Each structure stands twice: as C-alpha cells, then as structure tokens.
Amino acid sequence: QFSPSPQRFDWSNRVEMADCWVREGYRGSGLADDLLRRAAQHAREDGCADLTLTVGTENQRALGYFESRGFEPQGYGMVVPLAAVSLGGEAGVADGPQFRRVRSDEDTMCWFVDECWLPFWRDMGEAAGEAHLSPTLDREELVDSLVDAYDTPDRRCWVALDEADDATRPLEETDAVCAGWINAGREPTDPFLASQDRLFIGNLYTDPDYRGTGLTDRLVERARQYAREEGCDEFSLGVEDGNDRAMAYYDKLGFERFEQRMAVPVDSLAL
C-alpha cells in the first residue's frame, strides 16, 4: 500500500508490502520475482522511491530472499515480557527529575514540541548518521497532528522535569529542564490472529546530560506501571538500524528482536 512520508520528516514516499507469500509447490519458479516486479511497478505508478516490508526474524528463508534482491535493514521490532524487564536499582528512586503527564491541548503541545519532540528527533538523526527532520517542517501542522495523536484513551506521554520552579503550574508555564520523556500506548491487535496484549513504546528519550543517571530506567518503569494498568503482558518497540546505543540498552533490558524492517530503492531491485 502507498505510504506517504509525514510532512515533518525528510523521508521519501514508499510502498509497503504487507504480505508476500508463494505456495510451496511454486517456490523456485520465479513467481516471487514476478510478484516483486508488480509491487515495484505499483511503487513507480504512485511516484514512490522505495519498497519496504517487515519480516519475522525467524523466517530465514524470506530474509535471505529479500536480501538477495537488494533489501537492507531499516530497523527492528523488539519485544519483552513485562516480568522479564531487567531494570537497575535506580528505577524506583523518586529523587531527581520529576515526571509530569503531557496533556493533549495546543498550549502544552507547543511547549512539548520545542522542549522534547524536536531535540529527540535531532538526536535520532545524529545517532543514525542522517537528518530525519524535513527542512520545510511546518511547526503549526506538527502541533495540530500531535494534539490529535495524543488525544486517545489508551496512550500516555510523560516528561521528566529537572529544576522545576513550581511543579503545580501547567507545563507550558513551568521553568524547567526537560531531562527526558517517553510515550506509550496499547498496540493494536489483529482480530484474526492470536496475539499478546502489548504496550508499544513509541518514543523514549533521555537528554545526554542525564544518561547514566538511572533516568531512562525510571521512564521505562513508569511505562511498565501503565502497561499493568492496561492489562498488558509485554512491551514492544521499534529501533532503527544503526542506533547502537539504543539497541544495547534494549538488549540489556531483555528485549529480543522478533521482526526486521527492510527497504530497497525501487531502481535498485536485483531482479
């Protein structure tokens, strides 16, 4: 299906291949290549530069096939049972930055975009070695879209504030340092497939000055409390290929890779 890049990111439009399957008796016949050519034609017709897909990490046959056709890793889906999350002893300590929930109103979201969201994505771009944010980013459109995205009953966002002058004032009126933030929501389930109730961690960020202080563990612990409130059994998240710092942290917590996102420029398909 056609997947346009959000206005805020400097990414190309793409066609996402949701499913690709060849019956066993037809494997090796060239049918898979024919299906891939059709997807590439669809991408060109829609003006898309890339084809993307997601493959289970245990499906070695499929991974080998797509790698042979030029697909490269973009990122990974990771999962861990809540009970298996290994957090440091600092996770339960209340000293240091205090947590505040981000409400989905325009004034709060304007503050959140400037103090939390933009620093996170700039840092992500540096970690991945490429800019993520669009040079023509429309801040007003971004604020509006985040207000809508966060205005759901099963999604939460918390910020960690340090040196706050008054913890009772609205976020946008508080003089403080944003030390980090996390958002999480219930992962949609497929009604036709058996699946675990999972809480998906959408973004997790700790300012460089606060890394190594235990704050990241505290943010994850806050999300774990919320997961239990929602009746979830597992955490899931996505991490970009090349973000070695984040990958090492999630490995330490006990997360395991269960799917791999892959992409290839349409004109680079090896068919």
Protein backbone atom coordinates (compact mmCIF):
# COMPACT_ATOMS: atom_id res chain seq x y z
CA GLN A 1 0.00 0.00 0.00
CA PHE A 2 1.06 3.59 -0.64
CA SER A 3 2.63 5.14 2.47
CA PRO A 4 3.34 8.87 2.16
CA SER A 5 6.08 10.39 4.27
CA PRO A 6 4.75 12.64 7.05
CA GLN A 7 5.36 16.32 6.30
CA ARG A 8 7.66 16.66 9.30
CA PHE A 9 10.22 14.06 8.15
CA ASP A 10 12.72 14.18 5.32
CA TRP A 11 11.82 10.71 4.11
CA SER A 12 10.72 9.54 0.70
CA ASN A 13 7.26 8.18 -0.06
CA ARG A 14 7.16 4.41 -0.24
CA VAL A 15 5.04 1.38 -0.95
CA GLU A 16 4.74 -1.01 1.96
CA MET A 17 4.39 -4.70 1.15
CA ALA A 18 2.10 -6.02 3.87
CA ASP A 19 2.17 -9.69 2.82
CA CYS A 20 4.09 -11.74 0.25
CA TRP A 21 3.60 -15.49 0.03
CA VAL A 22 4.26 -18.21 -2.54
CA ARG A 23 2.76 -21.68 -2.17
CA GLU A 24 5.44 -24.31 -1.58
CA GLY A 25 4.98 -26.04 -4.90
CA TYR A 26 5.69 -22.77 -6.78
CA ARG A 27 8.83 -21.75 -4.90
CA GLY A 28 11.87 -21.55 -7.15
CA SER A 29 9.66 -20.99 -10.20
CA GLY A 30 10.29 -17.22 -10.42
CA LEU A 31 6.80 -16.38 -9.15
CA ALA A 32 8.19 -14.45 -6.16
CA ASP A 33 10.20 -12.27 -8.53
CA ASP A 34 7.10 -11.63 -10.64
CA LEU A 35 5.16 -10.55 -7.55
CA LEU A 36 8.02 -8.25 -6.53
CA ARG A 37 8.08 -6.71 -10.02
CA ARG A 38 4.38 -5.98 -9.69
CA ALA A 39 4.94 -4.25 -6.36
CA ALA A 40 7.78 -2.22 -7.90
CA GLN A 41 5.51 -1.21 -10.78
CA HIS A 42 2.88 -0.09 -8.28
CA ALA A 43 5.52 1.99 -6.47
CA ARG A 44 6.58 3.71 -9.70
CA GLU A 45 2.98 4.43 -10.66
CA ASP A 46 2.47 6.12 -7.27
CA GLY A 47 5.71 8.08 -7.52
CA CYS A 48 7.39 6.18 -4.68
CA ALA A 49 11.14 5.76 -4.49
CA ASP A 50 11.25 2.82 -2.08
CA LEU A 51 9.71 -0.53 -1.32
CA THR A 52 9.51 -1.54 2.35
CA LEU A 53 8.37 -4.63 4.23
CA THR A 54 8.62 -6.38 7.57
CA VAL A 55 9.89 -9.94 8.00
CA GLY A 56 9.92 -12.12 11.11
CA THR A 57 13.48 -12.66 12.30
CA GLU A 58 12.89 -16.44 12.43
CA ASN A 59 11.85 -16.54 8.76
CA GLN A 60 15.36 -17.08 7.44
CA ARG A 61 14.17 -18.16 4.00
CA ALA A 62 12.31 -14.90 3.44
CA LEU A 63 15.15 -12.81 4.88
CA GLY A 64 17.61 -14.50 2.56
CA TYR A 65 15.38 -13.94 -0.46
CA PHE A 66 14.79 -10.25 0.15
CA GLU A 67 18.46 -9.64 0.93
CA SER A 68 19.34 -11.27 -2.40
CA ARG A 69 17.01 -8.80 -4.12
CA GLY A 70 18.72 -5.78 -2.57
CA PHE A 71 16.63 -5.13 0.53
CA GLU A 72 18.61 -3.80 3.51
CA PRO A 73 17.72 -3.49 7.20
CA GLN A 74 15.95 -0.32 8.29
CA GLY A 75 15.19 -1.28 11.85
CA TYR A 76 13.88 -3.94 14.18
CA GLY A 77 10.78 -4.71 16.17
CA MET A 78 11.62 -5.87 19.68
CA VAL A 79 9.55 -7.44 22.44
CA VAL A 80 9.91 -8.48 26.08
CA PRO A 81 7.50 -9.82 28.73
CA LEU A 82 6.91 -7.20 31.42
CA ALA A 83 8.01 -9.63 34.12
CA ALA A 84 11.34 -10.17 32.35
CA VAL A 85 12.32 -6.49 32.06
CA SER A 86 15.63 -6.07 33.88
CA LEU A 87 15.81 -2.56 35.34
CA GLY A 88 18.54 -1.14 37.55
CA GLY A 89 18.03 -0.35 41.22
CA GLU A 90 17.60 3.37 40.40
CA ALA A 91 14.29 2.72 38.62
CA GLY A 92 12.24 3.03 41.77
CA VAL A 93 14.07 6.03 43.23
CA ALA A 94 11.99 9.23 43.26
CA ASP A 95 14.93 11.64 43.62
CA GLY A 96 15.98 13.70 40.62
CA PRO A 97 13.73 14.80 37.75
CA GLN A 98 10.03 14.56 38.46
CA PHE A 99 7.51 13.17 35.99
CA ARG A 100 4.61 15.10 34.52
CA ARG A 101 2.00 13.83 32.10
CA VAL A 102 1.66 15.65 28.77
CA ARG A 103 -1.93 16.66 28.07
CA SER A 104 -3.30 16.89 24.54
CA ASP A 105 -4.03 20.60 24.33
CA GLU A 106 -2.43 23.12 22.00
CA ASP A 107 -0.51 25.18 24.57
CA THR A 108 1.02 22.13 26.21
CA MET A 109 1.87 20.57 22.86
CA CYS A 110 3.61 23.75 21.65
CA TRP A 111 5.88 23.51 24.70
CA PHE A 112 6.36 19.77 24.19
CA VAL A 113 7.37 20.17 20.53
CA ASP A 114 10.08 22.72 21.32
CA GLU A 115 11.44 21.22 24.54
CA CYS A 116 11.06 17.47 23.92
CA TRP A 117 9.99 16.34 20.46
CA LEU A 118 12.42 18.32 18.31
CA PRO A 119 15.50 17.57 20.48
CA PHE A 120 14.60 13.87 20.36
CA TRP A 121 14.41 13.71 16.57
CA ARG A 122 17.56 15.78 16.10
CA ASP A 123 19.40 13.34 18.36
CA MET A 124 17.91 10.38 16.50
CA GLY A 125 19.21 11.80 13.24
CA GLU A 126 22.70 12.17 14.67
CA ALA A 127 22.62 8.60 16.03
CA ALA A 128 21.56 7.24 12.63
CA GLY A 129 24.04 9.42 10.74
CA GLU A 130 21.40 11.23 8.69
CA ALA A 131 18.93 14.05 9.13
CA HIS A 132 15.37 12.91 9.89
CA LEU A 133 13.52 16.22 10.09
CA SER A 134 12.24 17.93 6.97
CA PRO A 135 13.90 21.29 6.21
CA THR A 136 10.39 22.62 5.50
CA LEU A 137 8.85 21.33 8.73
CA ASP A 138 5.58 23.13 9.47
CA ARG A 139 5.55 23.58 13.25
CA GLU A 140 1.85 24.51 13.38
CA GLU A 141 0.88 21.41 11.42
CA LEU A 142 3.11 19.31 13.67
CA VAL A 143 1.48 20.66 16.83
CA ASP A 144 -2.01 20.01 15.45
CA SER A 145 -1.13 16.45 14.43
CA LEU A 146 0.38 15.65 17.85
CA VAL A 147 -2.65 17.05 19.65
CA ASP A 148 -4.79 14.62 17.65
CA ALA A 149 -2.38 11.71 18.09
CA TYR A 150 -2.16 12.09 21.87
CA ASP A 151 -5.88 12.62 22.37
CA THR A 152 -6.66 8.92 22.79
CA PRO A 153 -7.74 6.98 25.90
CA ASP A 154 -5.04 4.30 25.60
CA ARG A 155 -1.95 6.42 25.03
CA ARG A 156 0.18 8.29 27.56
CA CYS A 157 3.20 10.57 27.47
CA TRP A 158 5.34 11.64 30.42
CA VAL A 159 8.18 14.15 30.62
CA ALA A 160 10.91 14.21 33.26
CA LEU A 161 11.46 17.77 34.51
CA ASP A 162 14.53 18.86 36.42
CA GLU A 163 14.97 22.12 38.33
CA ALA A 164 11.26 22.91 38.03
CA ASP A 165 10.37 26.23 39.64
CA ASP A 166 6.82 25.11 40.51
CA ALA A 167 5.59 21.55 39.95
CA THR A 168 1.95 22.63 40.17
CA ARG A 169 1.99 25.04 37.24
CA PRO A 170 0.98 23.96 33.69
CA LEU A 171 3.87 22.56 31.69
CA GLU A 172 3.96 25.47 29.27
CA GLU A 173 4.33 27.88 32.21
CA THR A 174 6.94 25.87 34.09
CA ASP A 175 10.57 26.95 34.07
CA ALA A 176 12.43 23.64 34.00
CA VAL A 177 14.84 21.44 32.11
CA CYS A 178 13.32 18.60 30.11
CA ALA A 179 15.61 15.72 31.07
CA GLY A 180 13.75 13.06 29.08
CA TRP A 181 10.37 11.71 28.02
CA ILE A 182 8.50 8.59 27.00
CA ASN A 183 5.23 7.85 25.27
CA ALA A 184 3.45 4.53 25.05
CA GLY A 185 0.11 3.10 24.01
CA ARG A 186 -1.68 -0.19 23.57
CA GLU A 187 -0.53 -1.96 20.44
CA PRO A 188 -3.41 -2.64 18.05
CA THR A 189 -4.23 -6.34 17.79
CA ASP A 190 -5.28 -8.25 14.70
CA PRO A 191 -8.75 -9.73 15.38
CA PHE A 192 -7.94 -12.69 13.10
CA LEU A 193 -4.64 -13.63 14.75
CA ALA A 194 -3.74 -14.78 18.25
CA SER A 195 -1.57 -12.09 19.81
CA GLN A 196 -0.39 -10.85 23.18
CA ASP A 197 -1.70 -7.68 24.77
CA ARG A 198 1.28 -5.37 24.35
CA LEU A 199 2.15 -1.83 25.26
CA PHE A 200 4.08 -0.23 22.44
CA ILE A 201 6.78 2.26 23.44
CA GLY A 202 6.65 4.84 20.68
CA ASN A 203 9.47 7.13 21.81
CA LEU A 204 11.97 7.02 24.65
CA TYR A 205 14.49 9.80 25.07
CA THR A 206 16.96 10.90 27.74
CA ASP A 207 18.94 14.11 27.34
CA PRO A 208 22.69 13.39 27.02
CA ASP A 209 23.37 15.23 30.31
CA TYR A 210 21.15 12.73 32.17
CA ARG A 211 22.33 9.48 30.62
CA GLY A 212 23.85 7.09 33.12
CA THR A 213 21.82 8.55 36.00
CA GLY A 214 19.11 5.88 36.04
CA LEU A 215 16.53 8.24 34.50
CA THR A 216 15.96 6.04 31.44
CA ASP A 217 15.16 3.08 33.68
CA ARG A 218 12.73 5.26 35.63
CA LEU A 219 10.95 6.25 32.41
CA VAL A 220 10.63 2.59 31.39
CA GLU A 221 9.35 1.71 34.86
CA ARG A 222 6.65 4.37 34.54
CA ALA A 223 5.58 2.83 31.26
CA ARG A 224 5.59 -0.62 32.86
CA GLN A 225 3.22 0.60 35.56
CA TYR A 226 0.91 1.89 32.86
CA ALA A 227 1.17 -1.40 30.95
CA ARG A 228 -0.02 -3.27 34.03
CA GLU A 229 -2.89 -0.83 34.46
CA GLU A 230 -3.90 -1.57 30.87
CA GLY A 231 -3.68 -5.33 31.38
CA CYS A 232 -0.74 -5.78 29.01
CA ASP A 233 1.66 -8.69 29.27
CA GLU A 234 4.50 -7.42 27.09
CA PHE A 235 6.39 -4.38 25.87
CA SER A 236 7.13 -3.85 22.19
CA LEU A 237 9.04 -1.14 20.37
CA GLY A 238 10.92 -0.33 17.19
CA VAL A 239 14.55 0.71 16.94
CA GLU A 240 16.41 1.98 13.89
CA ASP A 241 19.27 0.05 12.37
CA GLY A 242 22.49 1.81 13.28
CA ASN A 243 21.22 3.19 16.59
CA ASP A 244 23.71 1.09 18.51
CA ARG A 245 23.28 2.96 21.79
CA ALA A 246 19.53 2.30 21.91
CA MET A 247 19.96 -1.30 20.76
CA ALA A 248 22.48 -2.00 23.52
CA TYR A 249 20.14 -0.54 26.13
CA TYR A 250 17.15 -2.60 24.97
CA ASP A 251 19.29 -5.73 24.86
CA LYS A 252 20.27 -5.04 28.47
CA LEU A 253 16.61 -4.74 29.47
CA GLY A 254 15.86 -8.14 27.97
CA PHE A 255 14.21 -7.15 24.69
CA GLU A 256 14.57 -9.58 21.80
CA ARG A 257 14.22 -8.92 18.08
CA PHE A 258 11.17 -10.54 16.53
CA GLU A 259 10.84 -8.70 13.22
CA GLN A 260 13.06 -6.80 10.81
CA ARG A 261 12.02 -3.82 8.71
CA MET A 262 13.68 -3.79 5.30
CA ALA A 263 13.73 -1.39 2.36
CA VAL A 264 15.14 -1.07 -1.12
CA PRO A 265 15.09 1.75 -3.69
CA VAL A 266 12.80 0.63 -6.50
CA ASP A 267 15.52 1.24 -9.09
CA SER A 268 17.97 -0.93 -7.12
CA LEU A 269 15.90 -4.12 -7.09
CA ALA A 270 18.07 -7.06 -8.16
CA LEU A 271 15.62 -8.91 -10.40
